[in-house]
């Protein structure tokens, strides 16, 4: 009798150890699978982040705010440092003449800026390389408006066309033809257009530096535990399915500088995924002195292409716990 009890206990302990081993193995597999980010689509995918010299320090937290929430692999991590420059900006009253900023004459050490940016995105690079099969390439460029001539810009803009369209926003008429050409562009237009035009990958995700990524969550066998699909993957799928689609926008995005959430339709340049090959088909762009969103909208109309706002709602990454603890999942 005693021997039978002992044997039964041994079998029971053995079964418990087997079950425990199975559960440990299962969770180890789960952790390995969840460590894999979504693959790069065919043709390549660039993550582009734009900064100015004054807000470069935001790059140090890009891995928490942008890279980890999206759970997405990239071919290239491209940082553009847009030096302070002149150009048109919002008028105080809609319909009035725009405000022209003076051309900045400060001298910057571009080598130091590039080195600083490269160091600040190091954690983003490490995170991507730890979760992706192929290492991400890092590109840091400096956009200096004072060195840009009209001849260089003729590949991007049609200067023989009307400089602006007044159909969508009458406050950005080109009222100062006496100013240097680059000072008549709306601020940041050159950064967006040249970046999309010079991209070497088929797809590009652009994020303003203060953008906080839309949370996707850890994945299990390719499926998110939180959402069925992440924003980038959904955007790429829509671009592949619709031959007349150039931009796919989220239904919202979030800012680390401001508390409100931004809703965009039909075009926004704060956060988007673009099929760059289709954008290049619109070059050279007409209405070059218009507000950047208006410029893109009007050129898409003329080329019979469009943007799409996705219907998926992804929560913003705001929790300190999420931002500082869970991004290593």
C-alpha atoms as a PDB file:
ATOM      1  CA  UNK A   1       0.000   0.000   0.000  1.00  0.00           C
ATOM      2  CA  UNK A   2       2.759   2.430   0.961  1.00  0.00           C
ATOM      3  CA  UNK A   3       4.673   1.562  -2.208  1.00  0.00           C
ATOM      4  CA  UNK A   4       1.597   2.317  -4.346  1.00  0.00           C
ATOM      5  CA  UNK A   5       1.153   5.702  -2.668  1.00  0.00           C
ATOM      6  CA  UNK A   6       4.805   6.566  -3.236  1.00  0.00           C
ATOM      7  CA  UNK A   7       4.622   5.516  -6.905  1.00  0.00           C
ATOM      8  CA  UNK A   8       1.427   7.542  -7.377  1.00  0.00           C
ATOM      9  CA  UNK A   9       3.067  10.631  -5.857  1.00  0.00           C
ATOM     10  CA  UNK A  10       6.100  10.159  -8.056  1.00  0.00           C
ATOM     11  CA  UNK A  11       3.852   9.943 -11.140  1.00  0.00           C
ATOM     12  CA  UNK A  12       1.916  12.998  -9.975  1.00  0.00           C
ATOM     13  CA  UNK A  13       5.109  14.995  -9.407  1.00  0.00           C
ATOM     14  CA  UNK A  14       6.371  13.827 -12.781  1.00  0.00           C
ATOM     15  CA  UNK A  15       3.170  14.932 -14.519  1.00  0.00           C
ATOM     16  CA  UNK A  16       3.294  18.302 -12.777  1.00  0.00           C
ATOM     17  CA  UNK A  17       6.888  18.817 -13.889  1.00  0.00           C
ATOM     18  CA  UNK A  18       5.972  17.856 -17.441  1.00  0.00           C
ATOM     19  CA  UNK A  19       3.034  20.263 -17.456  1.00  0.00           C
ATOM     20  CA  UNK A  20       5.214  22.982 -15.944  1.00  0.00           C
ATOM     21  CA  UNK A  21       7.870  22.382 -18.584  1.00  0.00           C
ATOM     22  CA  UNK A  22       5.256  22.579 -21.304  1.00  0.00           C
ATOM     23  CA  UNK A  23       3.940  25.909 -19.992  1.00  0.00           C
ATOM     24  CA  UNK A  24       7.464  27.315 -19.687  1.00  0.00           C
ATOM     25  CA  UNK A  25       8.187  26.206 -23.256  1.00  0.00           C
ATOM     26  CA  UNK A  26       4.925  27.793 -24.461  1.00  0.00           C
ATOM     27  CA  UNK A  27       5.667  31.159 -22.852  1.00  0.00           C
ATOM     28  CA  UNK A  28       9.230  31.092 -24.150  1.00  0.00           C
ATOM     29  CA  UNK A  29       7.865  30.564 -27.651  1.00  0.00           C
ATOM     30  CA  UNK A  30       5.392  33.385 -27.074  1.00  0.00           C
ATOM     31  CA  UNK A  31       8.135  35.744 -25.994  1.00  0.00           C
ATOM     32  CA  UNK A  32      10.263  34.847 -29.022  1.00  0.00           C
ATOM     33  CA  UNK A  33       7.385  35.274 -31.439  1.00  0.00           C
ATOM     34  CA  UNK A  34       6.278  38.541 -29.879  1.00  0.00           C
ATOM     35  CA  UNK A  35       9.823  39.845 -30.234  1.00  0.00           C
ATOM     36  CA  UNK A  36       9.461  39.803 -34.033  1.00  0.00           C
ATOM     37  CA  UNK A  37       8.302  43.028 -35.648  1.00  0.00           C
ATOM     38  CA  UNK A  38       6.309  43.133 -38.874  1.00  0.00           C
ATOM     39  CA  UNK A  39       8.431  42.438 -41.934  1.00  0.00           C
ATOM     40  CA  UNK A  40       9.523  45.043 -44.449  1.00  0.00           C
ATOM     41  CA  UNK A  41       7.211  45.015 -47.502  1.00  0.00           C
ATOM     42  CA  UNK A  42       8.631  44.224 -50.931  1.00  0.00           C
ATOM     43  CA  UNK A  43      10.311  47.298 -52.345  1.00  0.00           C
ATOM     44  CA  UNK A  44      11.529  48.496 -48.960  1.00  0.00           C
ATOM     45  CA  UNK A  45      10.176  50.819 -46.276  1.00  0.00           C
ATOM     46  CA  UNK A  46      11.808  53.984 -44.940  1.00  0.00           C
ATOM     47  CA  UNK A  47      11.065  55.536 -41.559  1.00  0.00           C
ATOM     48  CA  UNK A  48      11.620  59.263 -42.043  1.00  0.00           C
ATOM     49  CA  UNK A  49      11.764  61.665 -39.097  1.00  0.00           C
ATOM     50  CA  UNK A  50      12.174  65.409 -39.562  1.00  0.00           C
ATOM     51  CA  UNK A  51      13.785  67.625 -36.923  1.00  0.00           C
ATOM     52  CA  UNK A  52      15.211  71.100 -36.500  1.00  0.00           C
ATOM     53  CA  UNK A  53      18.448  71.790 -34.595  1.00  0.00           C
ATOM     54  CA  UNK A  54      16.425  73.055 -31.619  1.00  0.00           C
ATOM     55  CA  UNK A  55      14.289  69.911 -31.190  1.00  0.00           C
ATOM     56  CA  UNK A  56      16.867  67.241 -32.014  1.00  0.00           C
ATOM     57  CA  UNK A  57      16.813  65.922 -28.444  1.00  0.00           C
ATOM     58  CA  UNK A  58      13.389  64.429 -29.184  1.00  0.00           C
ATOM     59  CA  UNK A  59      15.265  61.829 -31.246  1.00  0.00           C
ATOM     60  CA  UNK A  60      16.525  60.242 -28.028  1.00  0.00           C
ATOM     61  CA  UNK A  61      12.987  59.056 -27.219  1.00  0.00           C
ATOM     62  CA  UNK A  62      11.980  58.046 -30.750  1.00  0.00           C
ATOM     63  CA  UNK A  63      12.395  54.376 -29.849  1.00  0.00           C
ATOM     64  CA  UNK A  64       9.690  54.718 -27.163  1.00  0.00           C
ATOM     65  CA  UNK A  65       7.329  57.012 -29.046  1.00  0.00           C
ATOM     66  CA  UNK A  66       7.576  55.787 -32.641  1.00  0.00           C
ATOM     67  CA  UNK A  67       9.567  52.565 -33.133  1.00  0.00           C
ATOM     68  CA  UNK A  68       8.181  50.376 -30.373  1.00  0.00           C
ATOM     69  CA  UNK A  69       4.469  51.302 -30.691  1.00  0.00           C
ATOM     70  CA  UNK A  70       4.418  50.436 -34.406  1.00  0.00           C
ATOM     71  CA  UNK A  71       6.232  47.075 -34.039  1.00  0.00           C
ATOM     72  CA  UNK A  72       7.483  47.513 -37.610  1.00  0.00           C
ATOM     73  CA  UNK A  73      10.798  46.739 -39.336  1.00  0.00           C
ATOM     74  CA  UNK A  74      12.297  49.285 -41.715  1.00  0.00           C
ATOM     75  CA  UNK A  75      14.890  49.237 -44.471  1.00  0.00           C
ATOM     76  CA  UNK A  76      16.173  52.731 -43.711  1.00  0.00           C
ATOM     77  CA  UNK A  77      15.911  55.073 -40.736  1.00  0.00           C
ATOM     78  CA  UNK A  78      16.251  58.524 -42.287  1.00  0.00           C
ATOM     79  CA  UNK A  79      16.589  61.694 -40.228  1.00  0.00           C
ATOM     80  CA  UNK A  80      16.352  65.049 -41.993  1.00  0.00           C
ATOM     81  CA  UNK A  81      17.659  68.050 -40.089  1.00  0.00           C
ATOM     82  CA  UNK A  82      15.768  71.013 -41.527  1.00  0.00           C
ATOM     83  CA  UNK A  83      17.808  74.109 -40.751  1.00  0.00           C
ATOM     84  CA  UNK A  84      15.864  77.257 -39.768  1.00  0.00           C
ATOM     85  CA  UNK A  85      14.826  79.116 -42.891  1.00  0.00           C
ATOM     86  CA  UNK A  86      12.491  81.714 -44.293  1.00  0.00           C
ATOM     87  CA  UNK A  87       9.202  81.110 -46.039  1.00  0.00           C
ATOM     88  CA  UNK A  88       5.489  81.656 -45.754  1.00  0.00           C
ATOM     89  CA  UNK A  89       3.535  80.729 -42.681  1.00  0.00           C
ATOM     90  CA  UNK A  90      -0.035  81.005 -41.433  1.00  0.00           C
ATOM     91  CA  UNK A  91      -1.650  84.410 -41.645  1.00  0.00           C
ATOM     92  CA  UNK A  92      -3.300  85.795 -38.541  1.00  0.00           C
ATOM     93  CA  UNK A  93      -6.684  85.895 -40.289  1.00  0.00           C
ATOM     94  CA  UNK A  94      -7.862  83.433 -42.904  1.00  0.00           C
ATOM     95  CA  UNK A  95      -8.046  85.187 -46.251  1.00  0.00           C
ATOM     96  CA  UNK A  96      -5.413  87.787 -45.423  1.00  0.00           C
ATOM     97  CA  UNK A  97      -1.891  87.919 -46.819  1.00  0.00           C
ATOM     98  CA  UNK A  98       0.516  85.280 -45.465  1.00  0.00           C
ATOM     99  CA  UNK A  99       3.335  86.065 -43.089  1.00  0.00           C
ATOM    100  CA  UNK A 100       6.827  85.807 -44.596  1.00  0.00           C
ATOM    101  CA  UNK A 101       9.632  84.741 -42.300  1.00  0.00           C
ATOM    102  CA  UNK A 102      13.067  86.202 -42.882  1.00  0.00           C
ATOM    103  CA  UNK A 103      15.714  83.884 -44.254  1.00  0.00           C
ATOM    104  CA  UNK A 104      17.856  82.567 -41.415  1.00  0.00           C
ATOM    105  CA  UNK A 105      21.527  83.495 -41.733  1.00  0.00           C
ATOM    106  CA  UNK A 106      22.896  81.496 -38.779  1.00  0.00           C
ATOM    107  CA  UNK A 107      25.830  79.232 -39.526  1.00  0.00           C
ATOM    108  CA  UNK A 108      25.565  75.577 -38.452  1.00  0.00           C
ATOM    109  CA  UNK A 109      28.209  72.892 -38.291  1.00  0.00           C
ATOM    110  CA  UNK A 110      26.518  70.192 -40.360  1.00  0.00           C
ATOM    111  CA  UNK A 111      29.053  67.537 -39.379  1.00  0.00           C
ATOM    112  CA  UNK A 112      28.349  68.074 -35.683  1.00  0.00           C
ATOM    113  CA  UNK A 113      24.584  68.014 -36.298  1.00  0.00           C
ATOM    114  CA  UNK A 114      24.812  64.729 -38.204  1.00  0.00           C
ATOM    115  CA  UNK A 115      26.991  63.134 -35.520  1.00  0.00           C
ATOM    116  CA  UNK A 116      24.609  64.256 -32.772  1.00  0.00           C
ATOM    117  CA  UNK A 117      21.550  62.922 -34.614  1.00  0.00           C
ATOM    118  CA  UNK A 118      23.272  59.595 -35.249  1.00  0.00           C
ATOM    119  CA  UNK A 119      23.995  59.208 -31.531  1.00  0.00           C
ATOM    120  CA  UNK A 120      20.462  60.220 -30.515  1.00  0.00           C
ATOM    121  CA  UNK A 121      18.801  57.551 -32.694  1.00  0.00           C
ATOM    122  CA  UNK A 122      21.141  54.819 -31.461  1.00  0.00           C
ATOM    123  CA  UNK A 123      18.491  53.245 -29.216  1.00  0.00           C
ATOM    124  CA  UNK A 124      15.995  53.205 -32.086  1.00  0.00           C
ATOM    125  CA  UNK A 125      18.550  51.439 -34.269  1.00  0.00           C
ATOM    126  CA  UNK A 126      19.360  48.922 -31.534  1.00  0.00           C
ATOM    127  CA  UNK A 127      15.667  48.171 -30.999  1.00  0.00           C
ATOM    128  CA  UNK A 128      15.032  47.619 -34.698  1.00  0.00           C
ATOM    129  CA  UNK A 129      18.109  45.432 -35.109  1.00  0.00           C
ATOM    130  CA  UNK A 130      17.111  43.352 -32.076  1.00  0.00           C
ATOM    131  CA  UNK A 131      13.631  42.620 -33.477  1.00  0.00           C
ATOM    132  CA  UNK A 132      14.211  42.507 -37.236  1.00  0.00           C
ATOM    133  CA  UNK A 133      15.937  39.973 -39.464  1.00  0.00           C
ATOM    134  CA  UNK A 134      17.972  42.507 -41.437  1.00  0.00           C
ATOM    135  CA  UNK A 135      19.796  45.489 -39.881  1.00  0.00           C
ATOM    136  CA  UNK A 136      18.384  48.938 -40.580  1.00  0.00           C
ATOM    137  CA  UNK A 137      20.494  51.465 -42.491  1.00  0.00           C
ATOM    138  CA  UNK A 138      20.813  54.934 -40.956  1.00  0.00           C
ATOM    139  CA  UNK A 139      20.833  58.078 -43.087  1.00  0.00           C
ATOM    140  CA  UNK A 140      21.154  61.598 -41.649  1.00  0.00           C
ATOM    141  CA  UNK A 141      20.835  64.544 -44.041  1.00  0.00           C
ATOM    142  CA  UNK A 142      20.850  68.306 -43.571  1.00  0.00           C
ATOM    143  CA  UNK A 143      18.527  70.537 -45.604  1.00  0.00           C
ATOM    144  CA  UNK A 144      19.990  74.007 -46.039  1.00  0.00           C
ATOM    145  CA  UNK A 145      17.634  76.307 -47.963  1.00  0.00           C
ATOM    146  CA  UNK A 146      20.338  78.899 -48.662  1.00  0.00           C
ATOM    147  CA  UNK A 147      22.231  76.411 -50.876  1.00  0.00           C
ATOM    148  CA  UNK A 148      19.231  75.489 -53.060  1.00  0.00           C
ATOM    149  CA  UNK A 149      18.994  77.054 -56.520  1.00  0.00           C
ATOM    150  CA  UNK A 150      15.997  77.205 -58.832  1.00  0.00           C
ATOM    151  CA  UNK A 151      17.739  74.866 -61.273  1.00  0.00           C
ATOM    152  CA  UNK A 152      18.027  72.195 -58.587  1.00  0.00           C
ATOM    153  CA  UNK A 153      14.355  72.599 -57.741  1.00  0.00           C
ATOM    154  CA  UNK A 154      13.056  72.344 -61.305  1.00  0.00           C
ATOM    155  CA  UNK A 155      13.006  68.547 -61.041  1.00  0.00           C
ATOM    156  CA  UNK A 156      10.501  68.853 -58.187  1.00  0.00           C
ATOM    157  CA  UNK A 157       8.399  71.901 -59.122  1.00  0.00           C
ATOM    158  CA  UNK A 158       6.846  73.320 -62.277  1.00  0.00           C
ATOM    159  CA  UNK A 159       7.702  77.008 -62.017  1.00  0.00           C
ATOM    160  CA  UNK A 160       5.934  77.832 -65.272  1.00  0.00           C
ATOM    161  CA  UNK A 161       2.599  76.854 -63.694  1.00  0.00           C
ATOM    162  CA  UNK A 162       0.565  79.132 -61.412  1.00  0.00           C
ATOM    163  CA  UNK A 163       2.463  79.478 -58.144  1.00  0.00           C
ATOM    164  CA  UNK A 164      -0.607  78.963 -55.993  1.00  0.00           C
ATOM    165  CA  UNK A 165      -4.154  77.703 -56.172  1.00  0.00           C
ATOM    166  CA  UNK A 166      -6.752  79.735 -54.313  1.00  0.00           C
ATOM    167  CA  UNK A 167      -9.376  77.001 -54.392  1.00  0.00           C
ATOM    168  CA  UNK A 168      -8.636  75.563 -50.976  1.00  0.00           C
ATOM    169  CA  UNK A 169      -6.922  78.270 -48.947  1.00  0.00           C
ATOM    170  CA  UNK A 170      -6.950  81.893 -50.019  1.00  0.00           C
ATOM    171  CA  UNK A 171      -4.512  83.024 -47.330  1.00  0.00           C
ATOM    172  CA  UNK A 172      -1.464  81.674 -49.170  1.00  0.00           C
ATOM    173  CA  UNK A 173      -1.441  83.676 -52.373  1.00  0.00           C
ATOM    174  CA  UNK A 174       2.056  84.396 -53.667  1.00  0.00           C
ATOM    175  CA  UNK A 175       2.162  88.084 -52.790  1.00  0.00           C
ATOM    176  CA  UNK A 176       5.952  88.634 -52.656  1.00  0.00           C
ATOM    177  CA  UNK A 177       7.555  87.786 -56.010  1.00  0.00           C
ATOM    178  CA  UNK A 178      10.347  90.200 -55.061  1.00  0.00           C
ATOM    179  CA  UNK A 179      11.702  87.759 -52.457  1.00  0.00           C
ATOM    180  CA  UNK A 180      14.215  84.970 -53.175  1.00  0.00           C
ATOM    181  CA  UNK A 181      12.543  81.843 -54.538  1.00  0.00           C
ATOM    182  CA  UNK A 182      13.109  79.595 -51.517  1.00  0.00           C
ATOM    183  CA  UNK A 183      11.657  82.287 -49.260  1.00  0.00           C
ATOM    184  CA  UNK A 184       8.363  82.153 -51.169  1.00  0.00           C
ATOM    185  CA  UNK A 185       7.700  78.491 -50.399  1.00  0.00           C
ATOM    186  CA  UNK A 186       5.492  77.627 -47.490  1.00  0.00           C
ATOM    187  CA  UNK A 187       7.703  76.604 -44.565  1.00  0.00           C
ATOM    188  CA  UNK A 188       8.663  72.894 -44.640  1.00  0.00           C
ATOM    189  CA  UNK A 189       7.408  72.375 -48.211  1.00  0.00           C
ATOM    190  CA  UNK A 190      10.898  71.667 -49.518  1.00  0.00           C
ATOM    191  CA  UNK A 191      11.572  69.151 -46.761  1.00  0.00           C
ATOM    192  CA  UNK A 192       8.457  67.085 -47.495  1.00  0.00           C
ATOM    193  CA  UNK A 193       8.714  67.211 -51.284  1.00  0.00           C
ATOM    194  CA  UNK A 194      12.439  66.524 -51.592  1.00  0.00           C
ATOM    195  CA  UNK A 195      12.274  63.695 -49.062  1.00  0.00           C
ATOM    196  CA  UNK A 196       9.462  61.899 -50.901  1.00  0.00           C
ATOM    197  CA  UNK A 197      11.128  62.548 -54.248  1.00  0.00           C
ATOM    198  CA  UNK A 198      14.559  61.255 -53.208  1.00  0.00           C
ATOM    199  CA  UNK A 199      13.408  58.186 -51.285  1.00  0.00           C
ATOM    200  CA  UNK A 200      15.069  54.998 -52.549  1.00  0.00           C
ATOM    201  CA  UNK A 201      12.436  52.661 -51.077  1.00  0.00           C
ATOM    202  CA  UNK A 202       8.979  52.011 -52.505  1.00  0.00           C
ATOM    203  CA  UNK A 203       7.219  52.967 -49.271  1.00  0.00           C
ATOM    204  CA  UNK A 204       7.925  55.666 -46.712  1.00  0.00           C
ATOM    205  CA  UNK A 205       6.503  56.330 -43.271  1.00  0.00           C
ATOM    206  CA  UNK A 206       7.013  59.959 -42.309  1.00  0.00           C
ATOM    207  CA  UNK A 207       6.598  61.101 -38.698  1.00  0.00           C
ATOM    208  CA  UNK A 208       7.079  64.597 -37.343  1.00  0.00           C
ATOM    209  CA  UNK A 209       9.510  64.473 -34.436  1.00  0.00           C
ATOM    210  CA  UNK A 210       6.861  65.199 -31.793  1.00  0.00           C
ATOM    211  CA  UNK A 211       4.553  62.444 -33.061  1.00  0.00           C
ATOM    212  CA  UNK A 212       3.732  59.702 -30.592  1.00  0.00           C
ATOM    213  CA  UNK A 213       3.223  56.384 -32.331  1.00  0.00           C
ATOM    214  CA  UNK A 214      -0.086  54.561 -32.486  1.00  0.00           C
ATOM    215  CA  UNK A 215       0.068  51.481 -30.291  1.00  0.00           C
ATOM    216  CA  UNK A 216      -0.019  48.139 -32.047  1.00  0.00           C
ATOM    217  CA  UNK A 217       1.005  45.807 -29.245  1.00  0.00           C
ATOM    218  CA  UNK A 218       3.026  42.567 -29.059  1.00  0.00           C
ATOM    219  CA  UNK A 219       2.275  39.994 -31.740  1.00  0.00           C
ATOM    220  CA  UNK A 220       1.712  36.244 -31.570  1.00  0.00           C
ATOM    221  CA  UNK A 221       2.300  34.244 -34.744  1.00  0.00           C
ATOM    222  CA  UNK A 222       2.070  37.444 -36.767  1.00  0.00           C
ATOM    223  CA  UNK A 223      -1.118  38.718 -35.122  1.00  0.00           C
ATOM    224  CA  UNK A 224      -1.304  41.513 -32.593  1.00  0.00           C
ATOM    225  CA  UNK A 225      -2.680  40.657 -29.177  1.00  0.00           C
ATOM    226  CA  UNK A 226      -4.171  44.155 -29.070  1.00  0.00           C
ATOM    227  CA  UNK A 227      -5.102  44.796 -32.726  1.00  0.00           C
ATOM    228  CA  UNK A 228      -5.534  42.625 -35.791  1.00  0.00           C
ATOM    229  CA  UNK A 229      -3.100  44.739 -37.806  1.00  0.00           C
ATOM    230  CA  UNK A 230      -0.796  47.685 -37.230  1.00  0.00           C
ATOM    231  CA  UNK A 231      -1.149  51.047 -38.950  1.00  0.00           C
ATOM    232  CA  UNK A 232       1.844  50.658 -41.270  1.00  0.00           C
ATOM    233  CA  UNK A 233       0.841  47.185 -42.467  1.00  0.00           C
ATOM    234  CA  UNK A 234      -2.728  48.310 -43.093  1.00  0.00           C
ATOM    235  CA  UNK A 235      -1.498  51.383 -44.962  1.00  0.00           C
ATOM    236  CA  UNK A 236       0.811  49.333 -47.202  1.00  0.00           C
ATOM    237  CA  UNK A 237      -1.990  46.876 -47.940  1.00  0.00           C
ATOM    238  CA  UNK A 238      -4.331  49.691 -48.980  1.00  0.00           C
ATOM    239  CA  UNK A 239      -1.631  51.202 -51.199  1.00  0.00           C
ATOM    240  CA  UNK A 240      -1.092  47.819 -52.846  1.00  0.00           C
ATOM    241  CA  UNK A 241      -4.801  47.212 -53.368  1.00  0.00           C
ATOM    242  CA  UNK A 242      -5.652  50.662 -54.789  1.00  0.00           C
ATOM    243  CA  UNK A 243      -3.650  51.686 -57.851  1.00  0.00           C
ATOM    244  CA  UNK A 244      -4.728  55.332 -57.585  1.00  0.00           C
ATOM    245  CA  UNK A 245      -3.685  55.712 -53.937  1.00  0.00           C
ATOM    246  CA  UNK A 246      -0.578  57.748 -53.021  1.00  0.00           C
ATOM    247  CA  UNK A 247      -0.997  58.379 -49.276  1.00  0.00           C
ATOM    248  CA  UNK A 248      -2.572  56.352 -46.471  1.00  0.00           C
ATOM    249  CA  UNK A 249      -3.223  58.340 -43.284  1.00  0.00           C
ATOM    250  CA  UNK A 250      -4.188  57.204 -39.785  1.00  0.00           C
ATOM    251  CA  UNK A 251      -7.594  58.208 -38.482  1.00  0.00           C
ATOM    252  CA  UNK A 252      -5.698  60.108 -35.798  1.00  0.00           C
ATOM    253  CA  UNK A 253      -2.274  60.603 -34.338  1.00  0.00           C
ATOM    254  CA  UNK A 254      -0.919  62.022 -31.105  1.00  0.00           C
ATOM    255  CA  UNK A 255       1.636  64.596 -30.123  1.00  0.00           C
ATOM    256  CA  UNK A 256       4.110  64.518 -27.268  1.00  0.00           C
ATOM    257  CA  UNK A 257       4.120  68.331 -27.256  1.00  0.00           C
ATOM    258  CA  UNK A 258       0.357  68.917 -27.224  1.00  0.00           C
ATOM    259  CA  UNK A 259      -2.398  67.104 -25.401  1.00  0.00           C
ATOM    260  CA  UNK A 260      -4.975  67.061 -28.178  1.00  0.00           C
ATOM    261  CA  UNK A 261      -5.223  64.437 -30.878  1.00  0.00           C
ATOM    262  CA  UNK A 262      -5.103  65.380 -34.530  1.00  0.00           C
ATOM    263  CA  UNK A 263      -7.739  64.303 -37.039  1.00  0.00           C
ATOM    264  CA  UNK A 264      -6.761  64.568 -40.675  1.00  0.00           C
ATOM    265  CA  UNK A 265      -8.728  64.570 -43.872  1.00  0.00           C
ATOM    266  CA  UNK A 266      -8.081  64.450 -46.719  1.00  0.00           C
ATOM    267  CA  UNK A 267      -4.329  65.093 -46.356  1.00  0.00           C
ATOM    268  CA  UNK A 268      -1.848  65.592 -43.543  1.00  0.00           C
ATOM    269  CA  UNK A 269       1.922  65.663 -43.491  1.00  0.00           C
ATOM    270  CA  UNK A 270       2.380  64.977 -39.776  1.00  0.00           C
ATOM    271  CA  UNK A 271       2.140  61.197 -40.046  1.00  0.00           C
ATOM    272  CA  UNK A 272       1.578  59.238 -43.256  1.00  0.00           C
ATOM    273  CA  UNK A 273       2.628  56.252 -45.324  1.00  0.00           C
ATOM    274  CA  UNK A 274       3.252  56.949 -49.002  1.00  0.00           C
ATOM    275  CA  UNK A 275       4.036  54.868 -52.062  1.00  0.00           C
ATOM    276  CA  UNK A 276       6.878  57.097 -53.192  1.00  0.00           C
ATOM    277  CA  UNK A 277       6.928  55.760 -56.747  1.00  0.00           C
ATOM    278  CA  UNK A 278       3.413  57.151 -57.289  1.00  0.00           C
ATOM    279  CA  UNK A 279       4.320  60.468 -55.692  1.00  0.00           C
ATOM    280  CA  UNK A 280       7.247  60.781 -58.107  1.00  0.00           C
ATOM    281  CA  UNK A 281       4.843  60.300 -61.012  1.00  0.00           C
ATOM    282  CA  UNK A 282       3.272  63.666 -60.070  1.00  0.00           C
ATOM    283  CA  UNK A 283       6.560  65.564 -60.462  1.00  0.00           C
ATOM    284  CA  UNK A 284       7.133  68.349 -61.224  1.00  0.00           C
ATOM    285  CA  UNK A 285       4.471  69.730 -58.911  1.00  0.00           C
ATOM    286  CA  UNK A 286       2.276  72.672 -59.824  1.00  0.00           C
ATOM    287  CA  UNK A 287       1.165  75.382 -57.375  1.00  0.00           C
ATOM    288  CA  UNK A 288       4.598  75.278 -55.728  1.00  0.00           C
ATOM    289  CA  UNK A 289       4.001  78.271 -53.411  1.00  0.00           C
ATOM    290  CA  UNK A 290       0.818  76.847 -51.886  1.00  0.00           C
ATOM    291  CA  UNK A 291       0.446  75.442 -48.384  1.00  0.00           C
ATOM    292  CA  UNK A 292       1.998  71.949 -48.447  1.00  0.00           C
ATOM    293  CA  UNK A 293      -1.265  70.057 -47.869  1.00  0.00           C
ATOM    294  CA  UNK A 294      -3.081  72.179 -50.457  1.00  0.00           C
ATOM    295  CA  UNK A 295      -0.217  71.700 -52.897  1.00  0.00           C
ATOM    296  CA  UNK A 296      -0.421  67.915 -52.609  1.00  0.00           C
ATOM    297  CA  UNK A 297      -4.229  67.805 -52.736  1.00  0.00           C
ATOM    298  CA  UNK A 298      -4.446  69.906 -55.914  1.00  0.00           C
ATOM    299  CA  UNK A 299      -1.710  67.925 -57.680  1.00  0.00           C
ATOM    300  CA  UNK A 300      -3.392  64.643 -56.746  1.00  0.00           C
ATOM    301  CA  UNK A 301      -6.640  65.939 -58.258  1.00  0.00           C
ATOM    302  CA  UNK A 302      -4.912  66.785 -61.524  1.00  0.00           C
ATOM    303  CA  UNK A 303      -3.277  63.346 -61.711  1.00  0.00           C
ATOM    304  CA  UNK A 304      -6.508  61.597 -60.656  1.00  0.00           C
ATOM    305  CA  UNK A 305      -4.920  59.988 -57.599  1.00  0.00           C
ATOM    306  CA  UNK A 306      -5.856  60.378 -53.953  1.00  0.00           C
ATOM    307  CA  UNK A 307      -5.137  59.824 -50.287  1.00  0.00           C
ATOM    308  CA  UNK A 308      -7.064  57.605 -47.881  1.00  0.00           C
ATOM    309  CA  UNK A 309      -7.797  57.965 -44.186  1.00  0.00           C
ATOM    310  CA  UNK A 310      -7.808  54.519 -42.598  1.00  0.00           C
ATOM    311  CA  UNK A 311     -10.705  53.534 -40.379  1.00  0.00           C
ATOM    312  CA  UNK A 312      -8.669  51.638 -37.771  1.00  0.00           C
ATOM    313  CA  UNK A 313      -8.481  53.319 -34.371  1.00  0.00           C
ATOM    314  CA  UNK A 314      -5.215  52.771 -32.550  1.00  0.00           C
ATOM    315  CA  UNK A 315      -4.747  54.073 -29.005  1.00  0.00           C
ATOM    316  CA  UNK A 316      -2.048  56.632 -28.305  1.00  0.00           C
ATOM    317  CA  UNK A 317       0.983  55.656 -26.289  1.00  0.00           C
ATOM    318  CA  UNK A 318       0.645  57.962 -23.286  1.00  0.00           C
ATOM    319  CA  UNK A 319       1.138  55.701 -20.289  1.00  0.00           C
ATOM    320  CA  UNK A 320       4.503  56.062 -18.580  1.00  0.00           C
ATOM    321  CA  UNK A 321       4.381  52.337 -17.872  1.00  0.00           C
ATOM    322  CA  UNK A 322       3.883  51.533 -21.539  1.00  0.00           C
ATOM    323  CA  UNK A 323       6.423  54.047 -22.737  1.00  0.00           C
ATOM    324  CA  UNK A 324       9.189  53.052 -20.335  1.00  0.00           C
ATOM    325  CA  UNK A 325       8.594  49.396 -19.515  1.00  0.00           C
ATOM    326  CA  UNK A 326       6.741  47.518 -22.222  1.00  0.00           C
ATOM    327  CA  UNK A 327       8.618  48.723 -25.290  1.00  0.00           C
ATOM    328  CA  UNK A 328      11.105  45.887 -24.927  1.00  0.00           C
ATOM    329  CA  UNK A 329       8.424  43.266 -25.585  1.00  0.00           C
END
